[in-house]
């Protein structure tokens, strides 16, 4: 994913996976394209996705074929990520 980004696998079933993701302050995800849908829910801190700042309780959905080219956290954050394996 990128430097300062840590992923813990929580569960996998029927082709879906759930992970807890932690961005250290200043971490930035590499540009990537989603092969399938991706759902995330912010637990702590702030995540910036395509210029949109999301804090605790915010959710985001990315459709298959979409590209993330600006995903970062200036403050650090923790979120739940669910996507296809």
PDB file of N, CA and C in Angstrom:
ATOM      1  N   UNK A   1       0.825  -1.206   0.000  1.00  0.00           N
ATOM      2  CA  UNK A   1       0.000   0.000   0.000  1.00  0.00           C
ATOM      3  C   UNK A   1       0.861   1.258   0.000  1.00  0.00           C
ATOM      4  N   UNK A   2       1.891   1.288   0.835  1.00  0.00           N
ATOM      5  CA  UNK A   2       2.761   2.448   0.904  1.00  0.00           C
ATOM      6  C   UNK A   2       3.474   2.521   2.238  1.00  0.00           C
ATOM      7  N   UNK A   3       4.462   3.387   2.338  1.00  0.00           N
ATOM      8  CA  UNK A   3       5.230   3.567   3.559  1.00  0.00           C
ATOM      9  C   UNK A   3       4.355   4.177   4.649  1.00  0.00           C
ATOM     10  N   UNK A   4       4.445   3.632   5.852  1.00  0.00           N
ATOM     11  CA  UNK A   4       3.668   4.154   6.969  1.00  0.00           C
ATOM     12  C   UNK A   4       2.229   3.681   6.984  1.00  0.00           C
ATOM     13  N   UNK A   5       1.922   2.646   6.196  1.00  0.00           N
ATOM     14  CA  UNK A   5       0.569   2.084   6.144  1.00  0.00           C
ATOM     15  C   UNK A   5       0.641   0.635   6.601  1.00  0.00           C
ATOM     16  N   UNK A   6      -0.179   0.287   7.583  1.00  0.00           N
ATOM     17  CA  UNK A   6      -0.162  -1.052   8.154  1.00  0.00           C
ATOM     18  C   UNK A   6      -1.544  -1.678   8.024  1.00  0.00           C
ATOM     19  N   UNK A   7      -1.587  -2.950   7.618  1.00  0.00           N
ATOM     20  CA  UNK A   7      -2.845  -3.647   7.362  1.00  0.00           C
ATOM     21  C   UNK A   7      -2.903  -4.916   8.205  1.00  0.00           C
ATOM     22  N   UNK A   8      -4.020  -5.108   8.906  1.00  0.00           N
ATOM     23  CA  UNK A   8      -4.247  -6.336   9.670  1.00  0.00           C
ATOM     24  C   UNK A   8      -5.484  -7.021   9.101  1.00  0.00           C
ATOM     25  N   UNK A   9      -5.301  -8.249   8.628  1.00  0.00           N
ATOM     26  CA  UNK A   9      -6.433  -9.031   8.145  1.00  0.00           C
ATOM     27  C   UNK A   9      -7.290  -9.450   9.326  1.00  0.00           C
ATOM     28  N   UNK A  10      -8.603  -9.238   9.204  1.00  0.00           N
ATOM     29  CA  UNK A  10      -9.529  -9.571  10.285  1.00  0.00           C
ATOM     30  C   UNK A  10     -10.340 -10.814   9.933  1.00  0.00           C
ATOM     31  N   UNK A  11     -10.880 -10.871   8.708  1.00  0.00           N
ATOM     32  CA  UNK A  11     -11.718 -12.003   8.310  1.00  0.00           C
ATOM     33  C   UNK A  11     -11.770 -12.107   6.790  1.00  0.00           C
ATOM     34  N   UNK A  12     -11.947 -13.347   6.333  1.00  0.00           N
ATOM     35  CA  UNK A  12     -12.133 -13.612   4.901  1.00  0.00           C
ATOM     36  C   UNK A  12     -13.230 -14.655   4.772  1.00  0.00           C
ATOM     37  N   UNK A  13     -14.202 -14.391   3.884  1.00  0.00           N
ATOM     38  CA  UNK A  13     -15.256 -15.364   3.621  1.00  0.00           C
ATOM     39  C   UNK A  13     -15.905 -15.086   2.274  1.00  0.00           C
ATOM     40  N   UNK A  14     -16.204 -16.133   1.553  1.00  0.00           N
ATOM     41  CA  UNK A  14     -16.929 -16.051   0.280  1.00  0.00           C
ATOM     42  C   UNK A  14     -16.367 -14.998  -0.663  1.00  0.00           C
ATOM     43  N   UNK A  15     -15.046 -14.867  -0.711  1.00  0.00           N
ATOM     44  CA  UNK A  15     -14.413 -13.929  -1.636  1.00  0.00           C
ATOM     45  C   UNK A  15     -14.309 -12.499  -1.142  1.00  0.00           C
ATOM     46  N   UNK A  16     -14.744 -12.219   0.080  1.00  0.00           N
ATOM     47  CA  UNK A  16     -14.650 -10.880   0.674  1.00  0.00           C
ATOM     48  C   UNK A  16     -13.640 -10.904   1.811  1.00  0.00           C
ATOM     49  N   UNK A  17     -12.953  -9.780   2.022  1.00  0.00           N
ATOM     50  CA  UNK A  17     -12.020  -9.667   3.132  1.00  0.00           C
ATOM     51  C   UNK A  17     -12.294  -8.387   3.904  1.00  0.00           C
ATOM     52  N   UNK A  18     -12.048  -8.471   5.215  1.00  0.00           N
ATOM     53  CA  UNK A  18     -12.159  -7.304   6.085  1.00  0.00           C
ATOM     54  C   UNK A  18     -10.788  -7.074   6.700  1.00  0.00           C
ATOM     55  N   UNK A  19     -10.362  -5.815   6.706  1.00  0.00           N
ATOM     56  CA  UNK A  19      -9.063  -5.461   7.253  1.00  0.00           C
ATOM     57  C   UNK A  19      -9.179  -4.205   8.106  1.00  0.00           C
ATOM     58  N   UNK A  20      -8.266  -4.087   9.064  1.00  0.00           N
ATOM     59  CA  UNK A  20      -8.083  -2.841   9.796  1.00  0.00           C
ATOM     60  C   UNK A  20      -6.828  -2.208   9.209  1.00  0.00           C
ATOM     61  N   UNK A  21      -6.935  -0.947   8.780  1.00  0.00           N
ATOM     62  CA  UNK A  21      -5.816  -0.252   8.138  1.00  0.00           C
ATOM     63  C   UNK A  21      -5.441   0.958   8.988  1.00  0.00           C
ATOM     64  N   UNK A  22      -4.132   1.120   9.202  1.00  0.00           N
ATOM     65  CA  UNK A  22      -3.640   2.278   9.968  1.00  0.00           C
ATOM     66  C   UNK A  22      -2.651   3.053   9.101  1.00  0.00           C
ATOM     67  N   UNK A  23      -2.904   4.352   8.949  1.00  0.00           N
ATOM     68  CA  UNK A  23      -1.983   5.266   8.284  1.00  0.00           C
ATOM     69  C   UNK A  23      -1.268   6.064   9.367  1.00  0.00           C
ATOM     70  N   UNK A  24       0.054   6.078   9.348  1.00  0.00           N
ATOM     71  CA  UNK A  24       0.797   6.964  10.225  1.00  0.00           C
ATOM     72  C   UNK A  24       0.655   8.389   9.682  1.00  0.00           C
ATOM     73  N   UNK A  25       0.878   9.419  10.510  1.00  0.00           N
ATOM     74  CA  UNK A  25       0.817  10.790  10.015  1.00  0.00           C
ATOM     75  C   UNK A  25       1.743  10.966   8.802  1.00  0.00           C
ATOM     76  N   UNK A  26       1.200  11.561   7.741  1.00  0.00           N
ATOM     77  CA  UNK A  26       1.962  11.809   6.521  1.00  0.00           C
ATOM     78  C   UNK A  26       1.959  10.669   5.524  1.00  0.00           C
ATOM     79  N   UNK A  27       1.351   9.532   5.854  1.00  0.00           N
ATOM     80  CA  UNK A  27       1.334   8.387   4.939  1.00  0.00           C
ATOM     81  C   UNK A  27       0.456   8.680   3.732  1.00  0.00           C
ATOM     82  N   UNK A  28       0.864   8.112   2.596  1.00  0.00           N
ATOM     83  CA  UNK A  28       0.139   8.284   1.337  1.00  0.00           C
ATOM     84  C   UNK A  28       0.090   6.930   0.635  1.00  0.00           C
ATOM     85  N   UNK A  29      -1.107   6.534   0.198  1.00  0.00           N
ATOM     86  CA  UNK A  29      -1.271   5.273  -0.535  1.00  0.00           C
ATOM     87  C   UNK A  29      -0.787   5.443  -1.973  1.00  0.00           C
ATOM     88  N   UNK A  30      -0.257   4.376  -2.525  1.00  0.00           N
ATOM     89  CA  UNK A  30       0.143   4.376  -3.929  1.00  0.00           C
ATOM     90  C   UNK A  30      -1.104   4.483  -4.808  1.00  0.00           C
ATOM     91  N   UNK A  31      -0.952   5.058  -5.990  1.00  0.00           N
ATOM     92  CA  UNK A  31      -2.059   5.121  -6.948  1.00  0.00           C
ATOM     93  C   UNK A  31      -2.480   3.686  -7.257  1.00  0.00           C
ATOM     94  N   UNK A  32      -3.804   3.439  -7.211  1.00  0.00           N
ATOM     95  CA  UNK A  32      -4.291   2.088  -7.485  1.00  0.00           C
ATOM     96  C   UNK A  32      -5.696   2.126  -8.080  1.00  0.00           C
ATOM     97  N   UNK A  33      -6.014   1.073  -8.833  1.00  0.00           N
ATOM     98  CA  UNK A  33      -7.332   0.918  -9.448  1.00  0.00           C
ATOM     99  C   UNK A  33      -8.044  -0.237  -8.771  1.00  0.00           C
ATOM    100  N   UNK A  34      -9.312  -0.048  -8.458  1.00  0.00           N
ATOM    101  CA  UNK A  34     -10.102  -1.064  -7.766  1.00  0.00           C
ATOM    102  C   UNK A  34     -10.614  -2.103  -8.753  1.00  0.00           C
ATOM    103  N   UNK A  35     -10.270  -3.373  -8.502  1.00  0.00           N
ATOM    104  CA  UNK A  35     -10.769  -4.454  -9.351  1.00  0.00           C
ATOM    105  C   UNK A  35     -12.234  -4.749  -9.046  1.00  0.00           C
ATOM    106  N   UNK A  36     -12.627  -4.534  -7.805  1.00  0.00           N
ATOM    107  CA  UNK A  36     -14.010  -4.734  -7.371  1.00  0.00           C
ATOM    108  C   UNK A  36     -14.390  -3.617  -6.431  1.00  0.00           C
ATOM    109  N   UNK A  37     -15.601  -3.643  -5.888  1.00  0.00           N
ATOM    110  CA  UNK A  37     -16.018  -2.589  -4.966  1.00  0.00           C
ATOM    111  C   UNK A  37     -15.200  -2.623  -3.676  1.00  0.00           C
ATOM    112  N   UNK A  38     -15.053  -1.446  -3.065  1.00  0.00           N
ATOM    113  CA  UNK A  38     -14.313  -1.318  -1.811  1.00  0.00           C
ATOM    114  C   UNK A  38     -15.097  -0.403  -0.888  1.00  0.00           C
ATOM    115  N   UNK A  39     -15.247  -0.830   0.351  1.00  0.00           N
ATOM    116  CA  UNK A  39     -15.972  -0.064   1.356  1.00  0.00           C
ATOM    117  C   UNK A  39     -15.019   0.253   2.497  1.00  0.00           C
ATOM    118  N   UNK A  40     -15.055   1.501   2.994  1.00  0.00           N
ATOM    119  CA  UNK A  40     -14.240   1.813   4.166  1.00  0.00           C
ATOM    120  C   UNK A  40     -15.031   2.661   5.137  1.00  0.00           C
ATOM    121  N   UNK A  41     -14.660   2.514   6.434  1.00  0.00           N
ATOM    122  CA  UNK A  41     -15.327   3.217   7.523  1.00  0.00           C
ATOM    123  C   UNK A  41     -14.249   3.733   8.465  1.00  0.00           C
ATOM    124  N   UNK A  42     -14.200   5.042   8.665  1.00  0.00           N
ATOM    125  CA  UNK A  42     -13.161   5.668   9.476  1.00  0.00           C
ATOM    126  C   UNK A  42     -13.478   5.493  10.967  1.00  0.00           C
ATOM    127  N   UNK A  43     -12.495   4.971  11.705  1.00  0.00           N
ATOM    128  CA  UNK A  43     -12.640   4.785  13.152  1.00  0.00           C
ATOM    129  C   UNK A  43     -11.978   5.908  13.942  1.00  0.00           C
ATOM    130  N   UNK A  44     -10.764   6.307  13.524  1.00  0.00           N
ATOM    131  CA  UNK A  44      -9.995   7.327  14.244  1.00  0.00           C
ATOM    132  C   UNK A  44      -9.236   8.192  13.254  1.00  0.00           C
ATOM    133  N   UNK A  45      -9.003   9.441  13.615  1.00  0.00           N
ATOM    134  CA  UNK A  45      -8.178  10.328  12.803  1.00  0.00           C
ATOM    135  C   UNK A  45      -8.896  10.852  11.573  1.00  0.00           C
ATOM    136  N   UNK A  46      -8.091  11.234  10.578  1.00  0.00           N
ATOM    137  CA  UNK A  46      -8.651  11.830   9.364  1.00  0.00           C
ATOM    138  C   UNK A  46      -7.960  11.251   8.132  1.00  0.00           C
ATOM    139  N   UNK A  47      -8.761  10.849   7.148  1.00  0.00           N
ATOM    140  CA  UNK A  47      -8.266  10.345   5.864  1.00  0.00           C
ATOM    141  C   UNK A  47      -8.716  11.310   4.779  1.00  0.00           C
ATOM    142  N   UNK A  48      -7.814  11.662   3.880  1.00  0.00           N
ATOM    143  CA  UNK A  48      -8.142  12.506   2.738  1.00  0.00           C
ATOM    144  C   UNK A  48      -8.185  11.609   1.510  1.00  0.00           C
ATOM    145  N   UNK A  49      -9.311  11.646   0.812  1.00  0.00           N
ATOM    146  CA  UNK A  49      -9.497  10.825  -0.388  1.00  0.00           C
ATOM    147  C   UNK A  49     -10.031  11.741  -1.485  1.00  0.00           C
ATOM    148  N   UNK A  50      -9.203  11.946  -2.532  1.00  0.00           N
ATOM    149  CA  UNK A  50      -9.578  12.828  -3.648  1.00  0.00           C
ATOM    150  C   UNK A  50      -9.994  14.216  -3.150  1.00  0.00           C
ATOM    151  N   UNK A  51      -9.271  14.737  -2.152  1.00  0.00           N
ATOM    152  CA  UNK A  51      -9.546  16.071  -1.635  1.00  0.00           C
ATOM    153  C   UNK A  51     -10.628  16.140  -0.576  1.00  0.00           C
ATOM    154  N   UNK A  52     -11.345  15.051  -0.339  1.00  0.00           N
ATOM    155  CA  UNK A  52     -12.415  15.008   0.663  1.00  0.00           C
ATOM    156  C   UNK A  52     -11.839  14.534   1.988  1.00  0.00           C
ATOM    157  N   UNK A  53     -12.008  15.316   3.029  1.00  0.00           N
ATOM    158  CA  UNK A  53     -11.511  14.969   4.362  1.00  0.00           C
ATOM    159  C   UNK A  53     -12.595  14.204   5.113  1.00  0.00           C
ATOM    160  N   UNK A  54     -12.222  13.015   5.604  1.00  0.00           N
ATOM    161  CA  UNK A  54     -13.186  12.167   6.309  1.00  0.00           C
ATOM    162  C   UNK A  54     -12.653  11.845   7.698  1.00  0.00           C
ATOM    163  N   UNK A  55     -13.504  12.020   8.710  1.00  0.00           N
ATOM    164  CA  UNK A  55     -13.148  11.733  10.081  1.00  0.00           C
ATOM    165  C   UNK A  55     -13.943  10.563  10.629  1.00  0.00           C
ATOM    166  N   UNK A  56     -13.843  10.306  11.924  1.00  0.00           N
ATOM    167  CA  UNK A  56     -14.547   9.181  12.539  1.00  0.00           C
ATOM    168  C   UNK A  56     -16.041   9.179  12.207  1.00  0.00           C
ATOM    169  N   UNK A  57     -16.516   7.997  11.813  1.00  0.00           N
ATOM    170  CA  UNK A  57     -17.925   7.839  11.456  1.00  0.00           C
ATOM    171  C   UNK A  57     -18.215   8.035   9.983  1.00  0.00           C
ATOM    172  N   UNK A  58     -17.263   8.545   9.216  1.00  0.00           N
ATOM    173  CA  UNK A  58     -17.456   8.718   7.783  1.00  0.00           C
ATOM    174  C   UNK A  58     -17.236   7.389   7.073  1.00  0.00           C
ATOM    175  N   UNK A  59     -17.943   7.203   5.967  1.00  0.00           N
ATOM    176  CA  UNK A  59     -17.792   6.000   5.150  1.00  0.00           C
ATOM    177  C   UNK A  59     -17.573   6.409   3.702  1.00  0.00           C
ATOM    178  N   UNK A  60     -16.957   5.498   2.949  1.00  0.00           N
ATOM    179  CA  UNK A  60     -16.694   5.752   1.538  1.00  0.00           C
ATOM    180  C   UNK A  60     -16.840   4.447   0.768  1.00  0.00           C
ATOM    181  N   UNK A  61     -17.322   4.535  -0.450  1.00  0.00           N
ATOM    182  CA  UNK A  61     -17.454   3.379  -1.329  1.00  0.00           C
ATOM    183  C   UNK A  61     -16.768   3.707  -2.642  1.00  0.00           C
ATOM    184  N   UNK A  62     -15.933   2.779  -3.123  1.00  0.00           N
ATOM    185  CA  UNK A  62     -15.289   2.929  -4.430  1.00  0.00           C
ATOM    186  C   UNK A  62     -15.812   1.819  -5.337  1.00  0.00           C
ATOM    187  N   UNK A  63     -16.226   2.178  -6.522  1.00  0.00           N
ATOM    188  CA  UNK A  63     -16.738   1.200  -7.469  1.00  0.00           C
ATOM    189  C   UNK A  63     -15.624   0.497  -8.218  1.00  0.00           C
ATOM    190  N   UNK A  64     -15.936  -0.676  -8.751  1.00  0.00           N
ATOM    191  CA  UNK A  64     -14.979  -1.425  -9.568  1.00  0.00           C
ATOM    192  C   UNK A  64     -14.536  -0.557 -10.742  1.00  0.00           C
ATOM    193  N   UNK A  65     -13.226  -0.564 -11.008  1.00  0.00           N
ATOM    194  CA  UNK A  65     -12.673   0.192 -12.128  1.00  0.00           C
ATOM    195  C   UNK A  65     -12.302   1.618 -11.803  1.00  0.00           C
ATOM    196  N   UNK A  66     -12.636   2.107 -10.601  1.00  0.00           N
ATOM    197  CA  UNK A  66     -12.269   3.473 -10.229  1.00  0.00           C
ATOM    198  C   UNK A  66     -10.812   3.499  -9.757  1.00  0.00           C
ATOM    199  N   UNK A  67     -10.187   4.660  -9.888  1.00  0.00           N
ATOM    200  CA  UNK A  67      -8.783   4.813  -9.505  1.00  0.00           C
ATOM    201  C   UNK A  67      -8.660   5.805  -8.362  1.00  0.00           C
ATOM    202  N   UNK A  68      -7.862   5.433  -7.353  1.00  0.00           N
ATOM    203  CA  UNK A  68      -7.520   6.333  -6.254  1.00  0.00           C
ATOM    204  C   UNK A  68      -6.123   6.866  -6.522  1.00  0.00           C
ATOM    205  N   UNK A  69      -6.017   8.191  -6.699  1.00  0.00           N
ATOM    206  CA  UNK A  69      -4.698   8.779  -6.936  1.00  0.00           C
ATOM    207  C   UNK A  69      -4.321   9.789  -5.857  1.00  0.00           C
ATOM    208  N   UNK A  70      -5.192   9.987  -4.869  1.00  0.00           N
ATOM    209  CA  UNK A  70      -4.901  10.905  -3.769  1.00  0.00           C
ATOM    210  C   UNK A  70      -5.559  10.394  -2.502  1.00  0.00           C
ATOM    211  N   UNK A  71      -4.912   9.430  -1.842  1.00  0.00           N
ATOM    212  CA  UNK A  71      -5.394   8.903  -0.560  1.00  0.00           C
ATOM    213  C   UNK A  71      -4.246   9.071   0.423  1.00  0.00           C
ATOM    214  N   UNK A  72      -4.494   9.871   1.485  1.00  0.00           N
ATOM    215  CA  UNK A  72      -3.415  10.197   2.413  1.00  0.00           C
ATOM    216  C   UNK A  72      -3.995  10.590   3.758  1.00  0.00           C
ATOM    217  N   UNK A  73      -3.112  10.678   4.747  1.00  0.00           N
ATOM    218  CA  UNK A  73      -3.526  11.163   6.058  1.00  0.00           C
ATOM    219  C   UNK A  73      -2.429  12.051   6.621  1.00  0.00           C
ATOM    220  N   UNK A  74      -2.765  13.283   6.893  1.00  0.00           N
ATOM    221  CA  UNK A  74      -1.813  14.218   7.486  1.00  0.00           C
ATOM    222  C   UNK A  74      -1.674  13.963   8.989  1.00  0.00           C
ATOM    223  N   UNK A  75      -2.756  13.520   9.626  1.00  0.00           N
ATOM    224  CA  UNK A  75      -2.801  13.355  11.082  1.00  0.00           C
ATOM    225  C   UNK A  75      -2.617  11.913  11.534  1.00  0.00           C
ATOM    226  N   UNK A  76      -2.766  10.967  10.611  1.00  0.00           N
ATOM    227  CA  UNK A  76      -2.833   9.547  10.941  1.00  0.00           C
ATOM    228  C   UNK A  76      -4.287   9.146  11.087  1.00  0.00           C
ATOM    229  N   UNK A  77      -4.592   7.887  10.834  1.00  0.00           N
ATOM    230  CA  UNK A  77      -5.976   7.419  10.941  1.00  0.00           C
ATOM    231  C   UNK A  77      -6.013   5.900  11.013  1.00  0.00           C
ATOM    232  N   UNK A  78      -7.173   5.395  11.418  1.00  0.00           N
ATOM    233  CA  UNK A  78      -7.457   3.962  11.440  1.00  0.00           C
ATOM    234  C   UNK A  78      -8.828   3.783  10.814  1.00  0.00           C
ATOM    235  N   UNK A  79      -8.955   2.803   9.906  1.00  0.00           N
ATOM    236  CA  UNK A  79     -10.252   2.532   9.294  1.00  0.00           C
ATOM    237  C   UNK A  79     -10.433   1.049   9.003  1.00  0.00           C
ATOM    238  N   UNK A  80     -11.702   0.661   8.848  1.00  0.00           N
ATOM    239  CA  UNK A  80     -12.065  -0.686   8.438  1.00  0.00           C
ATOM    240  C   UNK A  80     -12.200  -0.668   6.931  1.00  0.00           C
ATOM    241  N   UNK A  81     -11.622  -1.665   6.265  1.00  0.00           N
ATOM    242  CA  UNK A  81     -11.683  -1.793   4.810  1.00  0.00           C
ATOM    243  C   UNK A  81     -12.279  -3.144   4.460  1.00  0.00           C
ATOM    244  N   UNK A  82     -13.283  -3.154   3.590  1.00  0.00           N
ATOM    245  CA  UNK A  82     -13.888  -4.396   3.111  1.00  0.00           C
ATOM    246  C   UNK A  82     -13.844  -4.381   1.587  1.00  0.00           C
ATOM    247  N   UNK A  83     -13.257  -5.440   1.011  1.00  0.00           N
ATOM    248  CA  UNK A  83     -13.202  -5.547  -0.453  1.00  0.00           C
ATOM    249  C   UNK A  83     -13.104  -6.996  -0.883  1.00  0.00           C
ATOM    250  N   UNK A  84     -13.087  -7.217  -2.191  1.00  0.00           N
ATOM    251  CA  UNK A  84     -12.983  -8.563  -2.756  1.00  0.00           C
ATOM    252  C   UNK A  84     -11.543  -9.033  -2.673  1.00  0.00           C
ATOM    253  N   UNK A  85     -11.381 -10.315  -2.409  1.00  0.00           N
ATOM    254  CA  UNK A  85     -10.043 -10.920  -2.351  1.00  0.00           C
ATOM    255  C   UNK A  85      -9.530 -11.110  -3.766  1.00  0.00           C
TER     256      UNK A  85
END
